[in-house]
Amino acid sequence: ENHGVAKAATWIRIKKDGTPRPAYPCTLPTRI
């Protein structure tokens, strides 16, 4: 972000029990 890459994507992590957490904002490179 400090180098101009916006958090323009989202990713959904899964909990240890396998259930999804709410989507959180992230950069497109991190999402991919």
Full PDB file with SEQRES, HELIX, SHEET, SSBOND, CRYST1, ORIGX, SCALE, CONECT and MASTER records, all heavy atoms in Angstrom:
SEQRES   1 A   32  GLU ASN HIS GLY VAL ALA LYS ALA ALA THR TRP ILE ARG          
SEQRES   2 A   32  ILE LYS LYS ASP GLY THR PRO ARG PRO ALA TYR PRO CYS          
SEQRES   3 A   32  THR LEU PRO THR ARG ILE                                      
HELIX    1 AA1 LEU A   28  ARG A   31  1                                   4    
SHEET    1 AA1 2 ALA A   9  TRP A  11  0                                        
SHEET    2 AA1 2 TYR A  24  CYS A  26 -1                                        
CRYST1    1.000    1.000    1.000  90.00  90.00  90.00 P 1           1          
ORIGX1      1.000000  0.000000  0.000000        0.00000                         
ORIGX2      0.000000  1.000000  0.000000        0.00000                         
ORIGX3      0.000000  0.000000  1.000000        0.00000                         
SCALE1      1.000000  0.000000  0.000000        0.00000                         
SCALE2      0.000000  1.000000  0.000000        0.00000                         
SCALE3      0.000000  0.000000  1.000000        0.00000                         
ATOM      1  N   GLU A   1       0.832  -1.215   0.000  1.00  0.00           N  
ATOM      2  CA  GLU A   1       0.000   0.000   0.000  1.00  0.00           C  
ATOM      3  C   GLU A   1       0.858   1.253   0.000  1.00  0.00           C  
ATOM      4  O   GLU A   1       0.545   2.222  -0.696  1.00  0.00           O  
ATOM      5  CB  GLU A   1      -0.935   0.010   1.205  1.00  0.00           C  
ATOM      6  CG  GLU A   1      -2.154  -0.865   1.036  1.00  0.00           C  
ATOM      7  CD  GLU A   1      -3.150  -0.640   2.151  1.00  0.00           C  
ATOM      8  OE1 GLU A   1      -2.861  -1.063   3.289  1.00  0.00           O  
ATOM      9  OE2 GLU A   1      -4.189  -0.019   1.871  1.00  0.00           O  
ATOM     10  N   ASN A   2       1.937   1.240   0.783  1.00  0.00           N  
ATOM     11  CA  ASN A   2       2.845   2.386   0.821  1.00  0.00           C  
ATOM     12  C   ASN A   2       3.538   2.618  -0.517  1.00  0.00           C  
ATOM     13  O   ASN A   2       4.071   3.692  -0.766  1.00  0.00           O  
ATOM     14  CB  ASN A   2       3.899   2.215   1.918  1.00  0.00           C  
ATOM     15  CG  ASN A   2       3.322   2.404   3.301  1.00  0.00           C  
ATOM     16  OD1 ASN A   2       2.291   3.038   3.470  1.00  0.00           O  
ATOM     17  ND2 ASN A   2       3.976   1.838   4.301  1.00  0.00           N  
ATOM     18  N   HIS A   3       3.528   1.601  -1.365  1.00  0.00           N  
ATOM     19  CA  HIS A   3       4.129   1.710  -2.693  1.00  0.00           C  
ATOM     20  C   HIS A   3       3.070   1.806  -3.791  1.00  0.00           C  
ATOM     21  O   HIS A   3       3.322   1.493  -4.947  1.00  0.00           O  
ATOM     22  CB  HIS A   3       5.095   0.549  -2.933  1.00  0.00           C  
ATOM     23  CG  HIS A   3       6.355   0.690  -2.148  1.00  0.00           C  
ATOM     24  ND1 HIS A   3       6.466   0.273  -0.841  1.00  0.00           N  
ATOM     25  CD2 HIS A   3       7.541   1.252  -2.464  1.00  0.00           C  
ATOM     26  CE1 HIS A   3       7.674   0.548  -0.395  1.00  0.00           C  
ATOM     27  NE2 HIS A   3       8.348   1.149  -1.365  1.00  0.00           N  
ATOM     28  N   GLY A   4       1.863   2.219  -3.412  1.00  0.00           N  
ATOM     29  CA  GLY A   4       0.832   2.552  -4.389  1.00  0.00           C  
ATOM     30  C   GLY A   4      -0.095   1.440  -4.829  1.00  0.00           C  
ATOM     31  O   GLY A   4      -0.867   1.620  -5.763  1.00  0.00           O  
ATOM     32  N   VAL A   5      -0.041   0.276  -4.185  1.00  0.00           N  
ATOM     33  CA  VAL A   5      -0.927  -0.832  -4.557  1.00  0.00           C  
ATOM     34  C   VAL A   5      -2.115  -0.829  -3.594  1.00  0.00           C  
ATOM     35  O   VAL A   5      -1.961  -1.061  -2.400  1.00  0.00           O  
ATOM     36  CB  VAL A   5      -0.196  -2.192  -4.507  1.00  0.00           C  
ATOM     37  CG1 VAL A   5      -1.126  -3.314  -4.932  1.00  0.00           C  
ATOM     38  CG2 VAL A   5       1.064  -2.164  -5.381  1.00  0.00           C  
ATOM     39  N   ALA A   6      -3.283  -0.557  -4.126  1.00  0.00           N  
ATOM     40  CA  ALA A   6      -4.493  -0.439  -3.300  1.00  0.00           C  
ATOM     41  C   ALA A   6      -5.058  -1.806  -2.923  1.00  0.00           C  
ATOM     42  O   ALA A   6      -4.865  -2.791  -3.632  1.00  0.00           O  
ATOM     43  CB  ALA A   6      -5.556   0.349  -4.055  1.00  0.00           C  
ATOM     44  N   LYS A   7      -5.763  -1.807  -1.814  1.00  0.00           N  
ATOM     45  CA  LYS A   7      -6.492  -3.012  -1.409  1.00  0.00           C  
ATOM     46  C   LYS A   7      -7.809  -3.027  -2.196  1.00  0.00           C  
ATOM     47  O   LYS A   7      -8.836  -2.570  -1.718  1.00  0.00           O  
ATOM     48  CB  LYS A   7      -6.748  -3.022   0.094  1.00  0.00           C  
ATOM     49  CG  LYS A   7      -5.509  -3.324   0.903  1.00  0.00           C  
ATOM     50  CD  LYS A   7      -5.837  -3.492   2.366  1.00  0.00           C  
ATOM     51  CE  LYS A   7      -4.595  -3.903   3.137  1.00  0.00           C  
ATOM     52  NZ  LYS A   7      -4.877  -4.045   4.571  1.00  0.00           N  
ATOM     53  N   ALA A   8      -7.750  -3.565  -3.411  1.00  0.00           N  
ATOM     54  CA  ALA A   8      -8.893  -3.536  -4.318  1.00  0.00           C  
ATOM     55  C   ALA A   8      -9.505  -4.917  -4.523  1.00  0.00           C  
ATOM     56  O   ALA A   8     -10.313  -5.103  -5.418  1.00  0.00           O  
ATOM     57  CB  ALA A   8      -8.448  -2.961  -5.657  1.00  0.00           C  
ATOM     58  N   ALA A   9      -9.112  -5.885  -3.713  1.00  0.00           N  
ATOM     59  CA  ALA A   9      -9.626  -7.251  -3.835  1.00  0.00           C  
ATOM     60  C   ALA A   9     -10.024  -7.742  -2.445  1.00  0.00           C  
ATOM     61  O   ALA A   9      -9.834  -7.034  -1.453  1.00  0.00           O  
ATOM     62  CB  ALA A   9      -8.555  -8.157  -4.442  1.00  0.00           C  
ATOM     63  N   THR A  10     -10.578  -8.936  -2.394  1.00  0.00           N  
ATOM     64  CA  THR A  10     -10.896  -9.559  -1.101  1.00  0.00           C  
ATOM     65  C   THR A  10     -10.449 -11.014  -1.116  1.00  0.00           C  
ATOM     66  O   THR A  10     -10.313 -11.629  -2.174  1.00  0.00           O  
ATOM     67  CB  THR A  10     -12.405  -9.516  -0.790  1.00  0.00           C  
ATOM     68  OG1 THR A  10     -13.115 -10.210  -1.800  1.00  0.00           O  
ATOM     69  CG2 THR A  10     -12.905  -8.088  -0.662  1.00  0.00           C  
ATOM     70  N   TRP A  11     -10.248 -11.539   0.075  1.00  0.00           N  
ATOM     71  CA  TRP A  11      -9.882 -12.941   0.252  1.00  0.00           C  
ATOM     72  C   TRP A  11     -10.645 -13.459   1.465  1.00  0.00           C  
ATOM     73  O   TRP A  11     -10.874 -12.710   2.418  1.00  0.00           O  
ATOM     74  CB  TRP A  11      -8.380 -13.101   0.453  1.00  0.00           C  
ATOM     75  CG  TRP A  11      -7.948 -14.517   0.648  1.00  0.00           C  
ATOM     76  CD1 TRP A  11      -7.508 -15.091   1.805  1.00  0.00           C  
ATOM     77  CD2 TRP A  11      -7.913 -15.560  -0.333  1.00  0.00           C  
ATOM     78  NE1 TRP A  11      -7.200 -16.406   1.604  1.00  0.00           N  
ATOM     79  CE2 TRP A  11      -7.449 -16.723   0.281  1.00  0.00           C  
ATOM     80  CE3 TRP A  11      -8.245 -15.620  -1.692  1.00  0.00           C  
ATOM     81  CZ2 TRP A  11      -7.290 -17.929  -0.387  1.00  0.00           C  
ATOM     82  CZ3 TRP A  11      -8.083 -16.815  -2.361  1.00  0.00           C  
ATOM     83  CH2 TRP A  11      -7.611 -17.949  -1.715  1.00  0.00           C  
ATOM     84  N   ILE A  12     -11.004 -14.707   1.417  1.00  0.00           N  
ATOM     85  CA  ILE A  12     -11.707 -15.338   2.531  1.00  0.00           C  
ATOM     86  C   ILE A  12     -10.804 -16.412   3.119  1.00  0.00           C  
ATOM     87  O   ILE A  12     -10.437 -17.364   2.430  1.00  0.00           O  
ATOM     88  CB  ILE A  12     -13.048 -15.961   2.071  1.00  0.00           C  
ATOM     89  CG1 ILE A  12     -13.974 -14.869   1.536  1.00  0.00           C  
ATOM     90  CG2 ILE A  12     -13.702 -16.736   3.211  1.00  0.00           C  
ATOM     91  CD1 ILE A  12     -15.232 -15.404   0.873  1.00  0.00           C  
ATOM     92  N   ARG A  13     -10.413 -16.223   4.351  1.00  0.00           N  
ATOM     93  CA  ARG A  13      -9.627 -17.241   5.057  1.00  0.00           C  
ATOM     94  C   ARG A  13     -10.591 -18.278   5.631  1.00  0.00           C  
ATOM     95  O   ARG A  13     -11.749 -17.977   5.901  1.00  0.00           O  
ATOM     96  CB  ARG A  13      -8.854 -16.631   6.219  1.00  0.00           C  
ATOM     97  CG  ARG A  13      -7.710 -15.766   5.803  1.00  0.00           C  
ATOM     98  CD  ARG A  13      -6.824 -15.486   7.032  1.00  0.00           C  
ATOM     99  NE  ARG A  13      -5.803 -14.524   6.731  1.00  0.00           N  
ATOM    100  CZ  ARG A  13      -4.690 -14.788   6.055  1.00  0.00           C  
ATOM    101  NH1 ARG A  13      -4.469 -15.986   5.600  1.00  0.00           N  
ATOM    102  NH2 ARG A  13      -3.805 -13.853   5.827  1.00  0.00           N  
ATOM    103  N   ILE A  14     -10.071 -19.454   5.864  1.00  0.00           N  
ATOM    104  CA  ILE A  14     -10.874 -20.454   6.544  1.00  0.00           C  
ATOM    105  C   ILE A  14     -10.308 -20.673   7.938  1.00  0.00           C  
ATOM    106  O   ILE A  14      -9.107 -20.567   8.166  1.00  0.00           O  
ATOM    107  CB  ILE A  14     -10.945 -21.782   5.770  1.00  0.00           C  
ATOM    108  CG1 ILE A  14      -9.556 -22.303   5.426  1.00  0.00           C  
ATOM    109  CG2 ILE A  14     -11.788 -21.636   4.518  1.00  0.00           C  
ATOM    110  CD1 ILE A  14      -9.551 -23.691   4.823  1.00  0.00           C  
ATOM    111  N   LYS A  15     -11.209 -20.939   8.869  1.00  0.00           N  
ATOM    112  CA  LYS A  15     -10.799 -21.208  10.245  1.00  0.00           C  
ATOM    113  C   LYS A  15     -10.246 -22.629  10.326  1.00  0.00           C  
ATOM    114  O   LYS A  15     -10.411 -23.431   9.406  1.00  0.00           O  
ATOM    115  CB  LYS A  15     -12.006 -21.079  11.177  1.00  0.00           C  
ATOM    116  CG  LYS A  15     -12.613 -19.696  11.216  1.00  0.00           C  
ATOM    117  CD  LYS A  15     -13.841 -19.701  12.115  1.00  0.00           C  
ATOM    118  CE  LYS A  15     -14.578 -18.383  12.023  1.00  0.00           C  
ATOM    119  NZ  LYS A  15     -15.808 -18.402  12.824  1.00  0.00           N  
ATOM    120  N   LYS A  16      -9.624 -22.946  11.447  1.00  0.00           N  
ATOM    121  CA  LYS A  16      -9.073 -24.284  11.642  1.00  0.00           C  
ATOM    122  C   LYS A  16     -10.136 -25.366  11.554  1.00  0.00           C  
ATOM    123  O   LYS A  16      -9.856 -26.490  11.162  1.00  0.00           O  
ATOM    124  CB  LYS A  16      -8.331 -24.364  12.976  1.00  0.00           C  
ATOM    125  CG  LYS A  16      -7.049 -23.561  12.974  1.00  0.00           C  
ATOM    126  CD  LYS A  16      -6.299 -23.681  14.273  1.00  0.00           C  
ATOM    127  CE  LYS A  16      -5.044 -22.824  14.197  1.00  0.00           C  
ATOM    128  NZ  LYS A  16      -4.247 -22.884  15.389  1.00  0.00           N  
ATOM    129  N   ASP A  17     -11.379 -24.999  11.876  1.00  0.00           N  
ATOM    130  CA  ASP A  17     -12.456 -25.988  11.796  1.00  0.00           C  
ATOM    131  C   ASP A  17     -13.028 -26.112  10.381  1.00  0.00           C  
ATOM    132  O   ASP A  17     -13.967 -26.864  10.138  1.00  0.00           O  
ATOM    133  CB  ASP A  17     -13.568 -25.672  12.794  1.00  0.00           C  
ATOM    134  CG  ASP A  17     -14.328 -24.391  12.478  1.00  0.00           C  
ATOM    135  OD1 ASP A  17     -14.059 -23.766  11.426  1.00  0.00           O  
ATOM    136  OD2 ASP A  17     -15.189 -24.015  13.279  1.00  0.00           O  
ATOM    137  N   GLY A  18     -12.467 -25.352   9.419  1.00  0.00           N  
ATOM    138  CA  GLY A  18     -12.891 -25.451   8.032  1.00  0.00           C  
ATOM    139  C   GLY A  18     -13.982 -24.492   7.607  1.00  0.00           C  
ATOM    140  O   GLY A  18     -14.344 -24.449   6.441  1.00  0.00           O  
ATOM    141  N   THR A  19     -14.501 -23.702   8.538  1.00  0.00           N  
ATOM    142  CA  THR A  19     -15.550 -22.744   8.170  1.00  0.00           C  
ATOM    143  C   THR A  19     -14.913 -21.437   7.701  1.00  0.00           C  
ATOM    144  O   THR A  19     -13.856 -21.035   8.188  1.00  0.00           O  
ATOM    145  CB  THR A  19     -16.509 -22.460   9.348  1.00  0.00           C  
ATOM    146  OG1 THR A  19     -15.753 -21.934  10.440  1.00  0.00           O  
ATOM    147  CG2 THR A  19     -17.221 -23.733   9.784  1.00  0.00           C  
ATOM    148  N   PRO A  20     -15.552 -20.764   6.747  1.00  0.00           N  
ATOM    149  CA  PRO A  20     -14.971 -19.519   6.227  1.00  0.00           C  
ATOM    150  C   PRO A  20     -15.153 -18.343   7.178  1.00  0.00           C  
ATOM    151  O   PRO A  20     -16.156 -18.246   7.876  1.00  0.00           O  
ATOM    152  CB  PRO A  20     -15.734 -19.284   4.923  1.00  0.00           C  
ATOM    153  CG  PRO A  20     -16.981 -20.071   5.036  1.00  0.00           C  
ATOM    154  CD  PRO A  20     -16.728 -21.191   6.004  1.00  0.00           C  
ATOM    155  N   ARG A  21     -14.167 -17.485   7.200  1.00  0.00           N  
ATOM    156  CA  ARG A  21     -14.260 -16.215   7.916  1.00  0.00           C  
ATOM    157  C   ARG A  21     -14.843 -15.186   6.957  1.00  0.00           C  
ATOM    158  O   ARG A  21     -14.909 -15.427   5.750  1.00  0.00           O  
ATOM    159  CB  ARG A  21     -12.871 -15.767   8.359  1.00  0.00           C  
ATOM    160  CG  ARG A  21     -12.260 -16.664   9.394  1.00  0.00           C  
ATOM    161  CD  ARG A  21     -10.897 -16.178   9.791  1.00  0.00           C  
ATOM    162  NE  ARG A  21     -10.359 -17.129  10.761  1.00  0.00           N  
ATOM    163  CZ  ARG A  21      -9.346 -16.882  11.546  1.00  0.00           C  
ATOM    164  NH1 ARG A  21      -8.730 -15.733  11.472  1.00  0.00           N  
ATOM    165  NH2 ARG A  21      -8.929 -17.777  12.391  1.00  0.00           N  
ATOM    166  N   PRO A  22     -15.222 -14.019   7.468  1.00  0.00           N  
ATOM    167  CA  PRO A  22     -15.703 -12.967   6.553  1.00  0.00           C  
ATOM    168  C   PRO A  22     -14.576 -12.535   5.601  1.00  0.00           C  
ATOM    169  O   PRO A  22     -13.394 -12.578   5.951  1.00  0.00           O  
ATOM    170  CB  PRO A  22     -16.075 -11.820   7.490  1.00  0.00           C  
ATOM    171  CG  PRO A  22     -16.255 -12.448   8.829  1.00  0.00           C  
ATOM    172  CD  PRO A  22     -15.338 -13.632   8.870  1.00  0.00           C  
ATOM    173  N   ALA A  23     -14.958 -12.127   4.413  1.00  0.00           N  
ATOM    174  CA  ALA A  23     -13.981 -11.644   3.438  1.00  0.00           C  
ATOM    175  C   ALA A  23     -13.279 -10.407   3.990  1.00  0.00           C  
ATOM    176  O   ALA A  23     -13.897  -9.596   4.672  1.00  0.00           O  
ATOM    177  CB  ALA A  23     -14.681 -11.317   2.124  1.00  0.00           C  
ATOM    178  N   TYR A  24     -11.996 -10.279   3.710  1.00  0.00           N  
ATOM    179  CA  TYR A  24     -11.270  -9.085   4.139  1.00  0.00           C  
ATOM    180  C   TYR A  24     -10.577  -8.466   2.928  1.00  0.00           C  
ATOM    181  O   TYR A  24     -10.244  -9.155   1.974  1.00  0.00           O  
ATOM    182  CB  TYR A  24     -10.267  -9.412   5.256  1.00  0.00           C  
ATOM    183  CG  TYR A  24      -9.097 -10.263   4.832  1.00  0.00           C  
ATOM    184  CD1 TYR A  24      -7.897  -9.677   4.429  1.00  0.00           C  
ATOM    185  CD2 TYR A  24      -9.166 -11.655   4.849  1.00  0.00           C  
ATOM    186  CE1 TYR A  24      -6.821 -10.446   4.044  1.00  0.00           C  
ATOM    187  CE2 TYR A  24      -8.085 -12.428   4.460  1.00  0.00           C  
ATOM    188  CZ  TYR A  24      -6.920 -11.816   4.065  1.00  0.00           C  
ATOM    189  OH  TYR A  24      -5.843 -12.586   3.676  1.00  0.00           O  
ATOM    190  N   PRO A  25     -10.399  -7.144   2.961  1.00  0.00           N  
ATOM    191  CA  PRO A  25      -9.757  -6.465   1.838  1.00  0.00           C  
ATOM    192  C   PRO A  25      -8.265  -6.793   1.773  1.00  0.00           C  
ATOM    193  O   PRO A  25      -7.595  -6.928   2.804  1.00  0.00           O  
ATOM    194  CB  PRO A  25      -9.983  -4.980   2.116  1.00  0.00           C  
ATOM    195  CG  PRO A  25     -10.228  -4.889   3.577  1.00  0.00           C  
ATOM    196  CD  PRO A  25     -10.800  -6.212   4.008  1.00  0.00           C  
ATOM    197  N   CYS A  26      -7.774  -6.926   0.549  1.00  0.00           N  
ATOM    198  CA  CYS A  26      -6.350  -7.168   0.334  1.00  0.00           C  
ATOM    199  C   CYS A  26      -5.977  -6.636  -1.051  1.00  0.00           C  
ATOM    200  O   CYS A  26      -6.852  -6.285  -1.840  1.00  0.00           O  
ATOM    201  CB  CYS A  26      -6.019  -8.656   0.452  1.00  0.00           C  
ATOM    202  SG  CYS A  26      -6.829  -9.711  -0.757  1.00  0.00           S  
ATOM    203  N   THR A  27      -4.702  -6.583  -1.329  1.00  0.00           N  
ATOM    204  CA  THR A  27      -4.256  -6.171  -2.654  1.00  0.00           C  
ATOM    205  C   THR A  27      -4.492  -7.315  -3.631  1.00  0.00           C  
ATOM    206  O   THR A  27      -4.565  -8.482  -3.240  1.00  0.00           O  
ATOM    207  CB  THR A  27      -2.765  -5.797  -2.651  1.00  0.00           C  
ATOM    208  OG1 THR A  27      -2.000  -6.960  -2.320  1.00  0.00           O  
ATOM    209  CG2 THR A  27      -2.462  -4.661  -1.689  1.00  0.00           C  
ATOM    210  N   LEU A  28      -4.599  -6.988  -4.893  1.00  0.00           N  
ATOM    211  CA  LEU A  28      -4.776  -8.008  -5.918  1.00  0.00           C  
ATOM    212  C   LEU A  28      -3.591  -8.980  -5.951  1.00  0.00           C  
ATOM    213  O   LEU A  28      -3.800 -10.203  -6.043  1.00  0.00           O  
ATOM    214  CB  LEU A  28      -5.009  -7.365  -7.291  1.00  0.00           C  
ATOM    215  CG  LEU A  28      -5.310  -8.313  -8.443  1.00  0.00           C  
ATOM    216  CD1 LEU A  28      -6.543  -9.173  -8.172  1.00  0.00           C  
ATOM    217  CD2 LEU A  28      -5.477  -7.523  -9.732  1.00  0.00           C  
ATOM    218  N   PRO A  29      -2.336  -8.509  -5.849  1.00  0.00           N  
ATOM    219  CA  PRO A  29      -1.233  -9.467  -5.815  1.00  0.00           C  
ATOM    220  C   PRO A  29      -1.343 -10.477  -4.663  1.00  0.00           C  
ATOM    221  O   PRO A  29      -1.075 -11.660  -4.851  1.00  0.00           O  
ATOM    222  CB  PRO A  29       0.008  -8.579  -5.655  1.00  0.00           C  
ATOM    223  CG  PRO A  29      -0.379  -7.297  -6.309  1.00  0.00           C  
ATOM    224  CD  PRO A  29      -1.845  -7.117  -5.936  1.00  0.00           C  
ATOM    225  N   THR A  30      -1.767 -10.036  -3.499  1.00  0.00           N  
ATOM    226  CA  THR A  30      -1.896 -10.955  -2.366  1.00  0.00           C  
ATOM    227  C   THR A  30      -3.062 -11.916  -2.571  1.00  0.00           C  
ATOM    228  O   THR A  30      -2.966 -13.101  -2.255  1.00  0.00           O  
ATOM    229  CB  THR A  30      -2.035 -10.168  -1.048  1.00  0.00           C  
ATOM    230  OG1 THR A  30      -0.797  -9.485  -0.821  1.00  0.00           O  
ATOM    231  CG2 THR A  30      -2.316 -11.086   0.133  1.00  0.00           C  
ATOM    232  N   ARG A  31      -4.149 -11.424  -3.131  1.00  0.00           N  
ATOM    233  CA  ARG A  31      -5.291 -12.306  -3.381  1.00  0.00           C  
ATOM    234  C   ARG A  31      -4.904 -13.431  -4.345  1.00  0.00           C  
ATOM    235  O   ARG A  31      -5.196 -14.599  -4.120  1.00  0.00           O  
ATOM    236  CB  ARG A  31      -6.456 -11.514  -3.970  1.00  0.00           C  
ATOM    237  CG  ARG A  31      -7.715 -12.350  -4.065  1.00  0.00           C  
ATOM    238  CD  ARG A  31      -8.600 -11.894  -5.209  1.00  0.00           C  
ATOM    239  NE  ARG A  31      -9.771 -12.712  -5.343  1.00  0.00           N  
ATOM    240  CZ  ARG A  31      -9.761 -13.974  -5.782  1.00  0.00           C  
ATOM    241  NH1 ARG A  31      -8.653 -14.571  -6.069  1.00  0.00           N  
ATOM    242  NH2 ARG A  31     -10.889 -14.651  -5.912  1.00  0.00           N  
ATOM    243  N   ILE A  32      -4.191 -13.081  -5.423  1.00  0.00           N  
ATOM    244  CA  ILE A  32      -3.773 -14.091  -6.389  1.00  0.00           C  
ATOM    245  C   ILE A  32      -2.735 -15.021  -5.768  1.00  0.00           C  
ATOM    246  O   ILE A  32      -2.796 -16.238  -5.941  1.00  0.00           O  
ATOM    247  CB  ILE A  32      -3.251 -13.430  -7.681  1.00  0.00           C  
ATOM    248  CG1 ILE A  32      -4.423 -12.756  -8.406  1.00  0.00           C  
ATOM    249  CG2 ILE A  32      -2.553 -14.445  -8.578  1.00  0.00           C  
ATOM    250  CD1 ILE A  32      -4.041 -11.937  -9.618  1.00  0.00           C  
TER     251      ILE A  32                                                      
MASTER        0    0    0    1    2    0    0    6  250    1    0    3          
END                                                                             
